[in-house]
Amino acid sequence: MNDNTFNALAHEQRRTLLLDLLESNPQDAGIESLTGESVLTDAEQRLQTGMYHVHLPKLEDYGYIEWNEETNEIIKGPQFDEIRSLLKFIASEGVE
């Protein structure tokens, strides 16, 4: 384990995405409105902006994901196995 591992898991959005990938590969990078409206709320827009400009690029740089920006598809990256056991532990403990 290295600093990238802890950094990747430090933020809830990154941790949730990695846990989701553990269960189901691939994932959709998009965010849908929680209110059912076709327009995102301000809070949802901030979440989406953070995901696209901070979290996804960081996880991709670490090699934990591969992100296709055109299709919004995320798959496990070449370094995903480095954090698999830690993700399994987090999932088993119900930590998010």
PDB file of N, CA and C in Angstrom:
ATOM      1  N   MET A   1       0.834  -1.179   0.000  1.00  0.00           N
ATOM      2  CA  MET A   1       0.000   0.000   0.000  1.00  0.00           C
ATOM      3  C   MET A   1       0.883   1.249   0.000  1.00  0.00           C
ATOM      4  N   ASN A   2       0.371   2.288  -0.619  1.00  0.00           N
ATOM      5  CA  ASN A   2       1.131   3.532  -0.673  1.00  0.00           C
ATOM      6  C   ASN A   2       0.199   4.721  -0.448  1.00  0.00           C
ATOM      7  N   ASP A   3       0.756   5.916  -0.522  1.00  0.00           N
ATOM      8  CA  ASP A   3      -0.043   7.128  -0.279  1.00  0.00           C
ATOM      9  C   ASP A   3      -1.200   7.255  -1.260  1.00  0.00           C
ATOM     10  N   ASN A   4      -1.015   6.793  -2.506  1.00  0.00           N
ATOM     11  CA  ASN A   4      -2.098   6.865  -3.491  1.00  0.00           C
ATOM     12  C   ASN A   4      -3.324   6.090  -3.021  1.00  0.00           C
ATOM     13  N   THR A   5      -3.091   4.950  -2.393  1.00  0.00           N
ATOM     14  CA  THR A   5      -4.201   4.134  -1.905  1.00  0.00           C
ATOM     15  C   THR A   5      -5.027   4.910  -0.894  1.00  0.00           C
ATOM     16  N   PHE A   6      -4.362   5.494   0.082  1.00  0.00           N
ATOM     17  CA  PHE A   6      -5.081   6.239   1.109  1.00  0.00           C
ATOM     18  C   PHE A   6      -5.728   7.494   0.536  1.00  0.00           C
ATOM     19  N   ASN A   7      -5.054   8.154  -0.370  1.00  0.00           N
ATOM     20  CA  ASN A   7      -5.610   9.340  -1.005  1.00  0.00           C
ATOM     21  C   ASN A   7      -6.855   8.972  -1.806  1.00  0.00           C
ATOM     22  N   ALA A   8      -6.790   7.878  -2.545  1.00  0.00           N
ATOM     23  CA  ALA A   8      -7.927   7.452  -3.360  1.00  0.00           C
ATOM     24  C   ALA A   8      -9.147   7.153  -2.503  1.00  0.00           C
ATOM     25  N   LEU A   9      -8.922   6.570  -1.339  1.00  0.00           N
ATOM     26  CA  LEU A   9     -10.034   6.166  -0.480  1.00  0.00           C
ATOM     27  C   LEU A   9     -10.476   7.256   0.492  1.00  0.00           C
ATOM     28  N   ALA A  10      -9.750   8.354   0.547  1.00  0.00           N
ATOM     29  CA  ALA A  10     -10.028   9.399   1.524  1.00  0.00           C
ATOM     30  C   ALA A  10     -11.328  10.151   1.259  1.00  0.00           C
ATOM     31  N   HIS A  11     -11.721  10.262  -0.002  1.00  0.00           N
ATOM     32  CA  HIS A  11     -12.927  11.025  -0.331  1.00  0.00           C
ATOM     33  C   HIS A  11     -14.092  10.069  -0.596  1.00  0.00           C
ATOM     34  N   GLU A  12     -15.246  10.404  -0.061  1.00  0.00           N
ATOM     35  CA  GLU A  12     -16.417   9.536  -0.164  1.00  0.00           C
ATOM     36  C   GLU A  12     -16.801   9.203  -1.604  1.00  0.00           C
ATOM     37  N   GLN A  13     -16.756  10.189  -2.513  1.00  0.00           N
ATOM     38  CA  GLN A  13     -17.131   9.914  -3.907  1.00  0.00           C
ATOM     39  C   GLN A  13     -16.177   8.914  -4.551  1.00  0.00           C
ATOM     40  N   ARG A  14     -14.881   9.056  -4.312  1.00  0.00           N
ATOM     41  CA  ARG A  14     -13.912   8.116  -4.886  1.00  0.00           C
ATOM     42  C   ARG A  14     -14.093   6.735  -4.271  1.00  0.00           C
ATOM     43  N   ARG A  15     -14.257   6.701  -2.965  1.00  0.00           N
ATOM     44  CA  ARG A  15     -14.419   5.424  -2.263  1.00  0.00           C
ATOM     45  C   ARG A  15     -15.668   4.695  -2.757  1.00  0.00           C
ATOM     46  N   THR A  16     -16.764   5.428  -2.894  1.00  0.00           N
ATOM     47  CA  THR A  16     -18.011   4.823  -3.361  1.00  0.00           C
ATOM     48  C   THR A  16     -17.862   4.260  -4.768  1.00  0.00           C
ATOM     49  N   LEU A  17     -17.226   5.014  -5.641  1.00  0.00           N
ATOM     50  CA  LEU A  17     -17.019   4.549  -7.010  1.00  0.00           C
ATOM     51  C   LEU A  17     -16.176   3.271  -7.021  1.00  0.00           C
ATOM     52  N   LEU A  18     -15.095   3.249  -6.265  1.00  0.00           N
ATOM     53  CA  LEU A  18     -14.231   2.070  -6.234  1.00  0.00           C
ATOM     54  C   LEU A  18     -14.960   0.865  -5.642  1.00  0.00           C
ATOM     55  N   LEU A  19     -15.771   1.085  -4.622  1.00  0.00           N
ATOM     56  CA  LEU A  19     -16.566  -0.007  -4.057  1.00  0.00           C
ATOM     57  C   LEU A  19     -17.587  -0.516  -5.069  1.00  0.00           C
ATOM     58  N   ASP A  20     -18.190   0.402  -5.818  1.00  0.00           N
ATOM     59  CA  ASP A  20     -19.134  -0.002  -6.862  1.00  0.00           C
ATOM     60  C   ASP A  20     -18.436  -0.832  -7.938  1.00  0.00           C
ATOM     61  N   LEU A  21     -17.222  -0.454  -8.307  1.00  0.00           N
ATOM     62  CA  LEU A  21     -16.463  -1.210  -9.307  1.00  0.00           C
ATOM     63  C   LEU A  21     -16.114  -2.604  -8.804  1.00  0.00           C
ATOM     64  N   LEU A  22     -15.906  -2.721  -7.507  1.00  0.00           N
ATOM     65  CA  LEU A  22     -15.622  -4.022  -6.912  1.00  0.00           C
ATOM     66  C   LEU A  22     -16.775  -4.979  -7.169  1.00  0.00           C
ATOM     67  N   GLU A  23     -17.992  -4.449  -7.113  1.00  0.00           N
ATOM     68  CA  GLU A  23     -19.192  -5.256  -7.294  1.00  0.00           C
ATOM     69  C   GLU A  23     -19.599  -5.410  -8.754  1.00  0.00           C
ATOM     70  N   SER A  24     -19.431  -4.354  -9.539  1.00  0.00           N
ATOM     71  CA  SER A  24     -19.929  -4.366 -10.910  1.00  0.00           C
ATOM     72  C   SER A  24     -19.014  -3.541 -11.810  1.00  0.00           C
ATOM     73  N   ASN A  25     -18.483  -4.185 -12.818  1.00  0.00           N
ATOM     74  CA  ASN A  25     -17.573  -3.542 -13.760  1.00  0.00           C
ATOM     75  C   ASN A  25     -18.193  -3.699 -15.137  1.00  0.00           C
ATOM     76  N   PRO A  26     -18.446  -2.658 -15.883  1.00  0.00           N
ATOM     77  CA  PRO A  26     -18.101  -1.249 -15.729  1.00  0.00           C
ATOM     78  C   PRO A  26     -19.154  -0.472 -14.953  1.00  0.00           C
ATOM     79  N   GLN A  27     -18.860   0.812 -14.748  1.00  0.00           N
ATOM     80  CA  GLN A  27     -19.774   1.754 -14.111  1.00  0.00           C
ATOM     81  C   GLN A  27     -19.978   2.945 -15.044  1.00  0.00           C
ATOM     82  N   ASP A  28     -21.089   3.645 -14.834  1.00  0.00           N
ATOM     83  CA  ASP A  28     -21.373   4.868 -15.585  1.00  0.00           C
ATOM     84  C   ASP A  28     -20.877   6.045 -14.760  1.00  0.00           C
ATOM     85  N   ALA A  29     -20.136   6.950 -15.375  1.00  0.00           N
ATOM     86  CA  ALA A  29     -19.581   8.108 -14.674  1.00  0.00           C
ATOM     87  C   ALA A  29     -20.592   9.226 -14.506  1.00  0.00           C
ATOM     88  N   GLY A  30     -21.718   9.122 -15.171  1.00  0.00           N
ATOM     89  CA  GLY A  30     -22.701  10.201 -15.117  1.00  0.00           C
ATOM     90  C   GLY A  30     -23.396  10.272 -13.776  1.00  0.00           C
ATOM     91  N   ILE A  31     -23.976  11.415 -13.520  1.00  0.00           N
ATOM     92  CA  ILE A  31     -24.790  11.587 -12.316  1.00  0.00           C
ATOM     93  C   ILE A  31     -26.180  11.978 -12.772  1.00  0.00           C
ATOM     94  N   GLU A  32     -27.162  11.327 -12.186  1.00  0.00           N
ATOM     95  CA  GLU A  32     -28.534  11.654 -12.548  1.00  0.00           C
ATOM     96  C   GLU A  32     -29.164  12.417 -11.400  1.00  0.00           C
ATOM     97  N   SER A  33     -30.147  13.196 -11.724  1.00  0.00           N
ATOM     98  CA  SER A  33     -30.810  13.996 -10.713  1.00  0.00           C
ATOM     99  C   SER A  33     -31.462  13.104  -9.663  1.00  0.00           C
ATOM    100  N   LEU A  34     -31.231  13.428  -8.424  1.00  0.00           N
ATOM    101  CA  LEU A  34     -31.837  12.690  -7.324  1.00  0.00           C
ATOM    102  C   LEU A  34     -33.302  13.047  -7.143  1.00  0.00           C
ATOM    103  N   THR A  35     -33.718  14.164  -7.721  1.00  0.00           N
ATOM    104  CA  THR A  35     -35.096  14.623  -7.572  1.00  0.00           C
ATOM    105  C   THR A  35     -36.000  14.087  -8.672  1.00  0.00           C
ATOM    106  N   GLY A  36     -35.423  13.433  -9.667  1.00  0.00           N
ATOM    107  CA  GLY A  36     -36.218  12.947 -10.783  1.00  0.00           C
ATOM    108  C   GLY A  36     -36.417  13.977 -11.873  1.00  0.00           C
ATOM    109  N   GLU A  37     -35.936  15.181 -11.649  1.00  0.00           N
ATOM    110  CA  GLU A  37     -36.043  16.241 -12.646  1.00  0.00           C
ATOM    111  C   GLU A  37     -34.978  16.032 -13.720  1.00  0.00           C
ATOM    112  N   SER A  38     -35.214  16.594 -14.893  1.00  0.00           N
ATOM    113  CA  SER A  38     -34.246  16.456 -15.980  1.00  0.00           C
ATOM    114  C   SER A  38     -33.051  17.381 -15.795  1.00  0.00           C
ATOM    115  N   VAL A  39     -33.198  18.389 -14.934  1.00  0.00           N
ATOM    116  CA  VAL A  39     -32.124  19.345 -14.676  1.00  0.00           C
ATOM    117  C   VAL A  39     -31.513  19.036 -13.310  1.00  0.00           C
ATOM    118  N   LEU A  40     -30.190  19.048 -13.257  1.00  0.00           N
ATOM    119  CA  LEU A  40     -29.510  18.789 -11.996  1.00  0.00           C
ATOM    120  C   LEU A  40     -29.639  19.976 -11.053  1.00  0.00           C
ATOM    121  N   THR A  41     -29.752  19.679  -9.770  1.00  0.00           N
ATOM    122  CA  THR A  41     -29.752  20.750  -8.774  1.00  0.00           C
ATOM    123  C   THR A  41     -28.341  21.324  -8.680  1.00  0.00           C
ATOM    124  N   ASP A  42     -28.205  22.460  -8.007  1.00  0.00           N
ATOM    125  CA  ASP A  42     -26.876  23.058  -7.828  1.00  0.00           C
ATOM    126  C   ASP A  42     -25.933  22.099  -7.119  1.00  0.00           C
ATOM    127  N   ALA A  43     -26.426  21.422  -6.096  1.00  0.00           N
ATOM    128  CA  ALA A  43     -25.589  20.477  -5.345  1.00  0.00           C
ATOM    129  C   ALA A  43     -25.151  19.321  -6.241  1.00  0.00           C
ATOM    130  N   GLU A  44     -26.072  18.821  -7.068  1.00  0.00           N
ATOM    131  CA  GLU A  44     -25.735  17.722  -7.975  1.00  0.00           C
ATOM    132  C   GLU A  44     -24.731  18.176  -9.030  1.00  0.00           C
ATOM    133  N   GLN A  45     -24.873  19.416  -9.494  1.00  0.00           N
ATOM    134  CA  GLN A  45     -23.916  19.947 -10.466  1.00  0.00           C
ATOM    135  C   GLN A  45     -22.525  20.050  -9.858  1.00  0.00           C
ATOM    136  N   ARG A  46     -22.448  20.456  -8.583  1.00  0.00           N
ATOM    137  CA  ARG A  46     -21.147  20.533  -7.905  1.00  0.00           C
ATOM    138  C   ARG A  46     -20.533  19.146  -7.763  1.00  0.00           C
ATOM    139  N   LEU A  47     -21.359  18.147  -7.417  1.00  0.00           N
ATOM    140  CA  LEU A  47     -20.873  16.773  -7.313  1.00  0.00           C
ATOM    141  C   LEU A  47     -20.334  16.281  -8.653  1.00  0.00           C
ATOM    142  N   GLN A  48     -21.081  16.541  -9.715  1.00  0.00           N
ATOM    143  CA  GLN A  48     -20.673  16.114 -11.044  1.00  0.00           C
ATOM    144  C   GLN A  48     -19.383  16.815 -11.469  1.00  0.00           C
ATOM    145  N   THR A  49     -19.289  18.102 -11.216  1.00  0.00           N
ATOM    146  CA  THR A  49     -18.078  18.856 -11.568  1.00  0.00           C
ATOM    147  C   THR A  49     -16.877  18.304 -10.826  1.00  0.00           C
ATOM    148  N   GLY A  50     -17.040  18.047  -9.527  1.00  0.00           N
ATOM    149  CA  GLY A  50     -15.952  17.468  -8.744  1.00  0.00           C
ATOM    150  C   GLY A  50     -15.546  16.104  -9.251  1.00  0.00           C
ATOM    151  N   MET A  51     -16.524  15.311  -9.622  1.00  0.00           N
ATOM    152  CA  MET A  51     -16.230  13.964 -10.121  1.00  0.00           C
ATOM    153  C   MET A  51     -15.433  14.043 -11.418  1.00  0.00           C
ATOM    154  N   TYR A  52     -15.862  14.881 -12.342  1.00  0.00           N
ATOM    155  CA  TYR A  52     -15.236  14.959 -13.661  1.00  0.00           C
ATOM    156  C   TYR A  52     -13.879  15.663 -13.649  1.00  0.00           C
ATOM    157  N   HIS A  53     -13.717  16.648 -12.778  1.00  0.00           N
ATOM    158  CA  HIS A  53     -12.490  17.449 -12.815  1.00  0.00           C
ATOM    159  C   HIS A  53     -11.473  17.080 -11.742  1.00  0.00           C
ATOM    160  N   VAL A  54     -11.898  16.340 -10.725  1.00  0.00           N
ATOM    161  CA  VAL A  54     -10.978  15.992  -9.637  1.00  0.00           C
ATOM    162  C   VAL A  54     -10.877  14.478  -9.449  1.00  0.00           C
ATOM    163  N   HIS A  55     -11.993  13.852  -9.108  1.00  0.00           N
ATOM    164  CA  HIS A  55     -11.967  12.467  -8.653  1.00  0.00           C
ATOM    165  C   HIS A  55     -11.635  11.451  -9.753  1.00  0.00           C
ATOM    166  N   LEU A  56     -12.318  11.540 -10.886  1.00  0.00           N
ATOM    167  CA  LEU A  56     -12.042  10.580 -11.963  1.00  0.00           C
ATOM    168  C   LEU A  56     -10.622  10.721 -12.504  1.00  0.00           C
ATOM    169  N   PRO A  57     -10.148  11.947 -12.774  1.00  0.00           N
ATOM    170  CA  PRO A  57      -8.758  12.069 -13.238  1.00  0.00           C
ATOM    171  C   PRO A  57      -7.741  11.535 -12.217  1.00  0.00           C
ATOM    172  N   LYS A  58      -7.985  11.773 -10.943  1.00  0.00           N
ATOM    173  CA  LYS A  58      -7.066  11.300  -9.904  1.00  0.00           C
ATOM    174  C   LYS A  58      -7.024   9.775  -9.875  1.00  0.00           C
ATOM    175  N   LEU A  59      -8.192   9.142  -9.889  1.00  0.00           N
ATOM    176  CA  LEU A  59      -8.234   7.678  -9.869  1.00  0.00           C
ATOM    177  C   LEU A  59      -7.619   7.085 -11.128  1.00  0.00           C
ATOM    178  N   GLU A  60      -7.791   7.774 -12.257  1.00  0.00           N
ATOM    179  CA  GLU A  60      -7.187   7.311 -13.500  1.00  0.00           C
ATOM    180  C   GLU A  60      -5.670   7.464 -13.445  1.00  0.00           C
ATOM    181  N   ASP A  61      -5.187   8.579 -12.907  1.00  0.00           N
ATOM    182  CA  ASP A  61      -3.733   8.779 -12.755  1.00  0.00           C
ATOM    183  C   ASP A  61      -3.113   7.693 -11.885  1.00  0.00           C
ATOM    184  N   TYR A  62      -3.822   7.273 -10.854  1.00  0.00           N
ATOM    185  CA  TYR A  62      -3.324   6.226  -9.967  1.00  0.00           C
ATOM    186  C   TYR A  62      -3.393   4.840 -10.613  1.00  0.00           C
ATOM    187  N   GLY A  63      -4.144   4.728 -11.718  1.00  0.00           N
ATOM    188  CA  GLY A  63      -4.283   3.446 -12.402  1.00  0.00           C
ATOM    189  C   GLY A  63      -5.375   2.563 -11.838  1.00  0.00           C
ATOM    190  N   TYR A  64      -6.204   3.113 -10.945  1.00  0.00           N
ATOM    191  CA  TYR A  64      -7.264   2.310 -10.346  1.00  0.00           C
ATOM    192  C   TYR A  64      -8.482   2.189 -11.258  1.00  0.00           C
ATOM    193  N   ILE A  65      -8.635   3.147 -12.166  1.00  0.00           N
ATOM    194  CA  ILE A  65      -9.736   3.096 -13.130  1.00  0.00           C
ATOM    195  C   ILE A  65      -9.213   3.459 -14.513  1.00  0.00           C
ATOM    196  N   GLU A  66     -10.001   3.090 -15.514  1.00  0.00           N
ATOM    197  CA  GLU A  66      -9.852   3.615 -16.875  1.00  0.00           C
ATOM    198  C   GLU A  66     -11.185   4.272 -17.190  1.00  0.00           C
ATOM    199  N   TRP A  67     -11.124   5.511 -17.657  1.00  0.00           N
ATOM    200  CA  TRP A  67     -12.325   6.317 -17.861  1.00  0.00           C
ATOM    201  C   TRP A  67     -12.404   6.750 -19.303  1.00  0.00           C
ATOM    202  N   ASN A  68     -13.491   6.380 -19.976  1.00  0.00           N
ATOM    203  CA  ASN A  68     -13.758   6.817 -21.338  1.00  0.00           C
ATOM    204  C   ASN A  68     -14.667   8.033 -21.241  1.00  0.00           C
ATOM    205  N   GLU A  69     -14.092   9.211 -21.454  1.00  0.00           N
ATOM    206  CA  GLU A  69     -14.856  10.447 -21.301  1.00  0.00           C
ATOM    207  C   GLU A  69     -15.977  10.582 -22.323  1.00  0.00           C
ATOM    208  N   GLU A  70     -15.823   9.964 -23.486  1.00  0.00           N
ATOM    209  CA  GLU A  70     -16.858  10.067 -24.529  1.00  0.00           C
ATOM    210  C   GLU A  70     -18.104   9.276 -24.173  1.00  0.00           C
ATOM    211  N   THR A  71     -17.927   8.091 -23.585  1.00  0.00           N
ATOM    212  CA  THR A  71     -19.072   7.242 -23.252  1.00  0.00           C
ATOM    213  C   THR A  71     -19.438   7.298 -21.776  1.00  0.00           C
ATOM    214  N   ASN A  72     -18.607   7.980 -20.976  1.00  0.00           N
ATOM    215  CA  ASN A  72     -18.779   8.048 -19.520  1.00  0.00           C
ATOM    216  C   ASN A  72     -18.652   6.693 -18.850  1.00  0.00           C
ATOM    217  N   GLU A  73     -17.970   5.764 -19.506  1.00  0.00           N
ATOM    218  CA  GLU A  73     -17.798   4.435 -18.930  1.00  0.00           C
ATOM    219  C   GLU A  73     -16.502   4.364 -18.133  1.00  0.00           C
ATOM    220  N   ILE A  74     -16.599   3.748 -16.976  1.00  0.00           N
ATOM    221  CA  ILE A  74     -15.444   3.543 -16.101  1.00  0.00           C
ATOM    222  C   ILE A  74     -15.276   2.047 -15.902  1.00  0.00           C
ATOM    223  N   ILE A  75     -14.049   1.574 -16.092  1.00  0.00           N
ATOM    224  CA  ILE A  75     -13.729   0.176 -15.820  1.00  0.00           C
ATOM    225  C   ILE A  75     -12.542   0.120 -14.864  1.00  0.00           C
ATOM    226  N   LYS A  76     -12.326  -1.045 -14.291  1.00  0.00           N
ATOM    227  CA  LYS A  76     -11.186  -1.239 -13.402  1.00  0.00           C
ATOM    228  C   LYS A  76      -9.901  -1.004 -14.182  1.00  0.00           C
ATOM    229  N   GLY A  77      -8.984  -0.287 -13.557  1.00  0.00           N
ATOM    230  CA  GLY A  77      -7.710   0.010 -14.183  1.00  0.00           C
ATOM    231  C   GLY A  77      -6.669  -1.050 -13.870  1.00  0.00           C
ATOM    232  N   PRO A  78      -5.481  -0.904 -14.451  1.00  0.00           N
ATOM    233  CA  PRO A  78      -4.431  -1.911 -14.293  1.00  0.00           C
ATOM    234  C   PRO A  78      -3.912  -2.041 -12.854  1.00  0.00           C
ATOM    235  N   GLN A  79      -4.113  -1.030 -12.022  1.00  0.00           N
ATOM    236  CA  GLN A  79      -3.648  -1.085 -10.626  1.00  0.00           C
ATOM    237  C   GLN A  79      -4.783  -1.398  -9.642  1.00  0.00           C
ATOM    238  N   PHE A  80      -5.959  -1.729 -10.150  1.00  0.00           N
ATOM    239  CA  PHE A  80      -7.113  -1.954  -9.274  1.00  0.00           C
ATOM    240  C   PHE A  80      -6.851  -3.067  -8.263  1.00  0.00           C
ATOM    241  N   ASP A  81      -6.142  -4.106  -8.689  1.00  0.00           N
ATOM    242  CA  ASP A  81      -5.889  -5.227  -7.781  1.00  0.00           C
ATOM    243  C   ASP A  81      -5.068  -4.824  -6.567  1.00  0.00           C
ATOM    244  N   GLU A  82      -4.329  -3.719  -6.654  1.00  0.00           N
ATOM    245  CA  GLU A  82      -3.552  -3.231  -5.507  1.00  0.00           C
ATOM    246  C   GLU A  82      -4.454  -2.834  -4.336  1.00  0.00           C
ATOM    247  N   ILE A  83      -5.673  -2.418  -4.641  1.00  0.00           N
ATOM    248  CA  ILE A  83      -6.569  -1.964  -3.576  1.00  0.00           C
ATOM    249  C   ILE A  83      -7.762  -2.898  -3.365  1.00  0.00           C
ATOM    250  N   ARG A  84      -7.827  -3.971  -4.135  1.00  0.00           N
ATOM    251  CA  ARG A  84      -8.974  -4.892  -4.061  1.00  0.00           C
ATOM    252  C   ARG A  84      -9.201  -5.412  -2.635  1.00  0.00           C
ATOM    253  N   SER A  85      -8.161  -5.907  -1.978  1.00  0.00           N
ATOM    254  CA  SER A  85      -8.349  -6.491  -0.647  1.00  0.00           C
ATOM    255  C   SER A  85      -8.813  -5.444   0.367  1.00  0.00           C
ATOM    256  N   LEU A  86      -8.291  -4.238   0.270  1.00  0.00           N
ATOM    257  CA  LEU A  86      -8.726  -3.170   1.159  1.00  0.00           C
ATOM    258  C   LEU A  86     -10.184  -2.798   0.890  1.00  0.00           C
ATOM    259  N   LEU A  87     -10.575  -2.745  -0.372  1.00  0.00           N
ATOM    260  CA  LEU A  87     -11.976  -2.462  -0.715  1.00  0.00           C
ATOM    261  C   LEU A  87     -12.901  -3.553  -0.185  1.00  0.00           C
ATOM    262  N   LYS A  88     -12.476  -4.811  -0.295  1.00  0.00           N
ATOM    263  CA  LYS A  88     -13.287  -5.911   0.237  1.00  0.00           C
ATOM    264  C   LYS A  88     -13.467  -5.777   1.739  1.00  0.00           C
ATOM    265  N   PHE A  89     -12.397  -5.385   2.425  1.00  0.00           N
ATOM    266  CA  PHE A  89     -12.489  -5.179   3.866  1.00  0.00           C
ATOM    267  C   PHE A  89     -13.466  -4.047   4.185  1.00  0.00           C
ATOM    268  N   ILE A  90     -13.347  -2.935   3.481  1.00  0.00           N
ATOM    269  CA  ILE A  90     -14.245  -1.802   3.708  1.00  0.00           C
ATOM    270  C   ILE A  90     -15.688  -2.213   3.454  1.00  0.00           C
ATOM    271  N   ALA A  91     -15.911  -2.965   2.383  1.00  0.00           N
ATOM    272  CA  ALA A  91     -17.273  -3.417   2.053  1.00  0.00           C
ATOM    273  C   ALA A  91     -17.808  -4.358   3.131  1.00  0.00           C
ATOM    274  N   SER A  92     -16.974  -5.222   3.654  1.00  0.00           N
ATOM    275  CA  SER A  92     -17.428  -6.186   4.663  1.00  0.00           C
ATOM    276  C   SER A  92     -17.731  -5.512   6.003  1.00  0.00           C
ATOM    277  N   GLU A  93     -17.075  -4.402   6.269  1.00  0.00           N
ATOM    278  CA  GLU A  93     -17.285  -3.672   7.515  1.00  0.00           C
ATOM    279  C   GLU A  93     -18.408  -2.654   7.407  1.00  0.00           C
ATOM    280  N   GLY A  94     -18.921  -2.457   6.197  1.00  0.00           N
ATOM    281  CA  GLY A  94     -19.997  -1.484   5.991  1.00  0.00           C
ATOM    282  C   GLY A  94     -19.544  -0.050   6.136  1.00  0.00           C
ATOM    283  N   VAL A  95     -18.260   0.187   5.892  1.00  0.00           N
ATOM    284  CA  VAL A  95     -17.690   1.537   6.003  1.00  0.00           C
ATOM    285  C   VAL A  95     -17.866   2.246   4.665  1.00  0.00           C
ATOM    286  N   GLU A  96     -18.388   3.472   4.707  1.00  0.00           N
ATOM    287  CA  GLU A  96     -18.468   4.284   3.493  1.00  0.00           C
ATOM    288  C   GLU A  96     -18.271   5.663   3.862  1.00  0.00           C
TER     289      GLU A  96
END
